[in-house]
Amino acid sequence: MELRVANLVGNSPNFRVTIDDTLIVRGEFNLSQQQFLPVPSGTQAQRPQKSAEASLYYNTDSNKMQIYAKNSWRDIN
């Protein structure tokens, strides 16, 4: 899937974009006037075994944000 846009605009907080594949940003990714950026979350058992480098995940078992780096999930302190 490829999505080519110059601007993608919506009304916060109800604007949603769902991508069922991989989103690759080759430039600036700017979220303006947003109060939060949702990240994937769940238990350690629900967490993907492998992911793309620098992927983020909120582990609800440990209540910590994690990053996938060097082939493993690591807590962000």
C-alpha atoms as a PDB file:
ATOM      1  CA  MET A   1       0.000   0.000   0.000  1.00  0.00           C
ATOM      2  CA  GLU A   2       1.263   3.454  -0.805  1.00  0.00           C
ATOM      3  CA  LEU A   3      -0.321   6.706   0.323  1.00  0.00           C
ATOM      4  CA  ARG A   4       0.979   9.893  -1.257  1.00  0.00           C
ATOM      5  CA  VAL A   5      -0.342  13.114   0.198  1.00  0.00           C
ATOM      6  CA  ALA A   6       0.895  16.645   0.653  1.00  0.00           C
ATOM      7  CA  ASN A   7      -1.381  17.338   3.625  1.00  0.00           C
ATOM      8  CA  LEU A   8      -3.755  15.223   5.678  1.00  0.00           C
ATOM      9  CA  VAL A   9      -6.058  17.375   7.783  1.00  0.00           C
ATOM     10  CA  GLY A  10      -8.876  16.545  10.167  1.00  0.00           C
ATOM     11  CA  ASN A  11     -10.730  17.820  13.175  1.00  0.00           C
ATOM     12  CA  SER A  12      -9.236  16.769  16.494  1.00  0.00           C
ATOM     13  CA  PRO A  13      -9.991  14.729  18.581  1.00  0.00           C
ATOM     14  CA  ASN A  14     -12.300  12.649  16.361  1.00  0.00           C
ATOM     15  CA  PHE A  15     -10.158  12.497  13.228  1.00  0.00           C
ATOM     16  CA  ARG A  16      -8.818   8.981  12.637  1.00  0.00           C
ATOM     17  CA  VAL A  17      -6.538   7.457  10.029  1.00  0.00           C
ATOM     18  CA  THR A  18      -6.299   3.672  10.029  1.00  0.00           C
ATOM     19  CA  ILE A  19      -3.379   2.014   8.278  1.00  0.00           C
ATOM     20  CA  ASP A  20      -3.419  -1.773   8.101  1.00  0.00           C
ATOM     21  CA  ASP A  21       0.100  -2.020   6.735  1.00  0.00           C
ATOM     22  CA  THR A  22       3.328  -0.076   7.263  1.00  0.00           C
ATOM     23  CA  LEU A  23       3.444   3.700   7.196  1.00  0.00           C
ATOM     24  CA  ILE A  24       6.772   5.053   5.987  1.00  0.00           C
ATOM     25  CA  VAL A  25       7.369   8.760   6.482  1.00  0.00           C
ATOM     26  CA  ARG A  26      10.137  10.243   4.349  1.00  0.00           C
ATOM     27  CA  GLY A  27      10.061  13.718   5.740  1.00  0.00           C
ATOM     28  CA  GLU A  28       8.574  15.607   8.631  1.00  0.00           C
ATOM     29  CA  PHE A  29       5.749  14.015  10.621  1.00  0.00           C
ATOM     30  CA  ASN A  30       4.080  16.857  12.475  1.00  0.00           C
ATOM     31  CA  LEU A  31       1.176  16.432  14.882  1.00  0.00           C
ATOM     32  CA  SER A  32       0.018  19.897  15.761  1.00  0.00           C
ATOM     33  CA  GLN A  33      -2.604  20.828  18.332  1.00  0.00           C
ATOM     34  CA  GLN A  34      -2.772  17.236  19.606  1.00  0.00           C
ATOM     35  CA  GLN A  35      -2.950  16.312  23.277  1.00  0.00           C
ATOM     36  CA  PHE A  36      -1.628  12.768  22.793  1.00  0.00           C
ATOM     37  CA  LEU A  37      -0.286  10.234  20.338  1.00  0.00           C
ATOM     38  CA  PRO A  38      -1.721   6.765  20.938  1.00  0.00           C
ATOM     39  CA  VAL A  39       0.792   3.899  20.872  1.00  0.00           C
ATOM     40  CA  PRO A  40       0.159   0.152  20.836  1.00  0.00           C
ATOM     41  CA  SER A  41      -0.340  -1.309  24.305  1.00  0.00           C
ATOM     42  CA  GLY A  42      -1.077  -4.586  26.014  1.00  0.00           C
ATOM     43  CA  THR A  43       0.442  -7.302  28.147  1.00  0.00           C
ATOM     44  CA  GLN A  44       3.870  -8.746  27.585  1.00  0.00           C
ATOM     45  CA  ALA A  45       2.235 -11.876  26.121  1.00  0.00           C
ATOM     46  CA  GLN A  46       0.348  -9.722  23.592  1.00  0.00           C
ATOM     47  CA  ARG A  47       3.472  -7.797  22.552  1.00  0.00           C
ATOM     48  CA  PRO A  48       4.911  -8.782  19.156  1.00  0.00           C
ATOM     49  CA  GLN A  49       7.944 -11.073  19.414  1.00  0.00           C
ATOM     50  CA  LYS A  50       9.751  -9.042  16.750  1.00  0.00           C
ATOM     51  CA  SER A  51       9.142  -5.564  15.447  1.00  0.00           C
ATOM     52  CA  ALA A  52      10.735  -2.841  13.381  1.00  0.00           C
ATOM     53  CA  GLU A  53      13.687  -1.079  14.968  1.00  0.00           C
ATOM     54  CA  ALA A  54      12.581   1.838  17.210  1.00  0.00           C
ATOM     55  CA  SER A  55       8.979   0.616  17.521  1.00  0.00           C
ATOM     56  CA  LEU A  56       7.178   1.760  20.674  1.00  0.00           C
ATOM     57  CA  TYR A  57       4.907  -0.308  22.939  1.00  0.00           C
ATOM     58  CA  TYR A  58       3.297   0.340  26.328  1.00  0.00           C
ATOM     59  CA  ASN A  59       3.587  -2.801  28.467  1.00  0.00           C
ATOM     60  CA  THR A  60       0.558  -2.954  30.788  1.00  0.00           C
ATOM     61  CA  ASP A  61       2.167  -5.702  32.911  1.00  0.00           C
ATOM     62  CA  SER A  62       5.130  -3.521  33.902  1.00  0.00           C
ATOM     63  CA  ASN A  63       3.394  -0.151  33.298  1.00  0.00           C
ATOM     64  CA  LYS A  64       6.411   0.960  31.261  1.00  0.00           C
ATOM     65  CA  MET A  65       6.953   2.305  27.778  1.00  0.00           C
ATOM     66  CA  GLN A  66       9.225   0.043  25.732  1.00  0.00           C
ATOM     67  CA  ILE A  67      11.238   0.414  22.555  1.00  0.00           C
ATOM     68  CA  TYR A  68      12.339  -2.340  20.194  1.00  0.00           C
ATOM     69  CA  ALA A  69      16.098  -1.998  19.727  1.00  0.00           C
ATOM     70  CA  LYS A  70      18.845  -4.428  18.748  1.00  0.00           C
ATOM     71  CA  ASN A  71      16.390  -7.344  18.364  1.00  0.00           C
ATOM     72  CA  SER A  72      14.698  -7.039  21.775  1.00  0.00           C
ATOM     73  CA  TRP A  73      12.204  -4.966  23.728  1.00  0.00           C
ATOM     74  CA  ARG A  74      13.785  -2.566  26.242  1.00  0.00           C
ATOM     75  CA  ASP A  75      12.225  -0.389  28.934  1.00  0.00           C
ATOM     76  CA  ILE A  76      12.448   3.353  28.441  1.00  0.00           C
ATOM     77  CA  ASN A  77      13.443   4.892  31.752  1.00  0.00           C
END
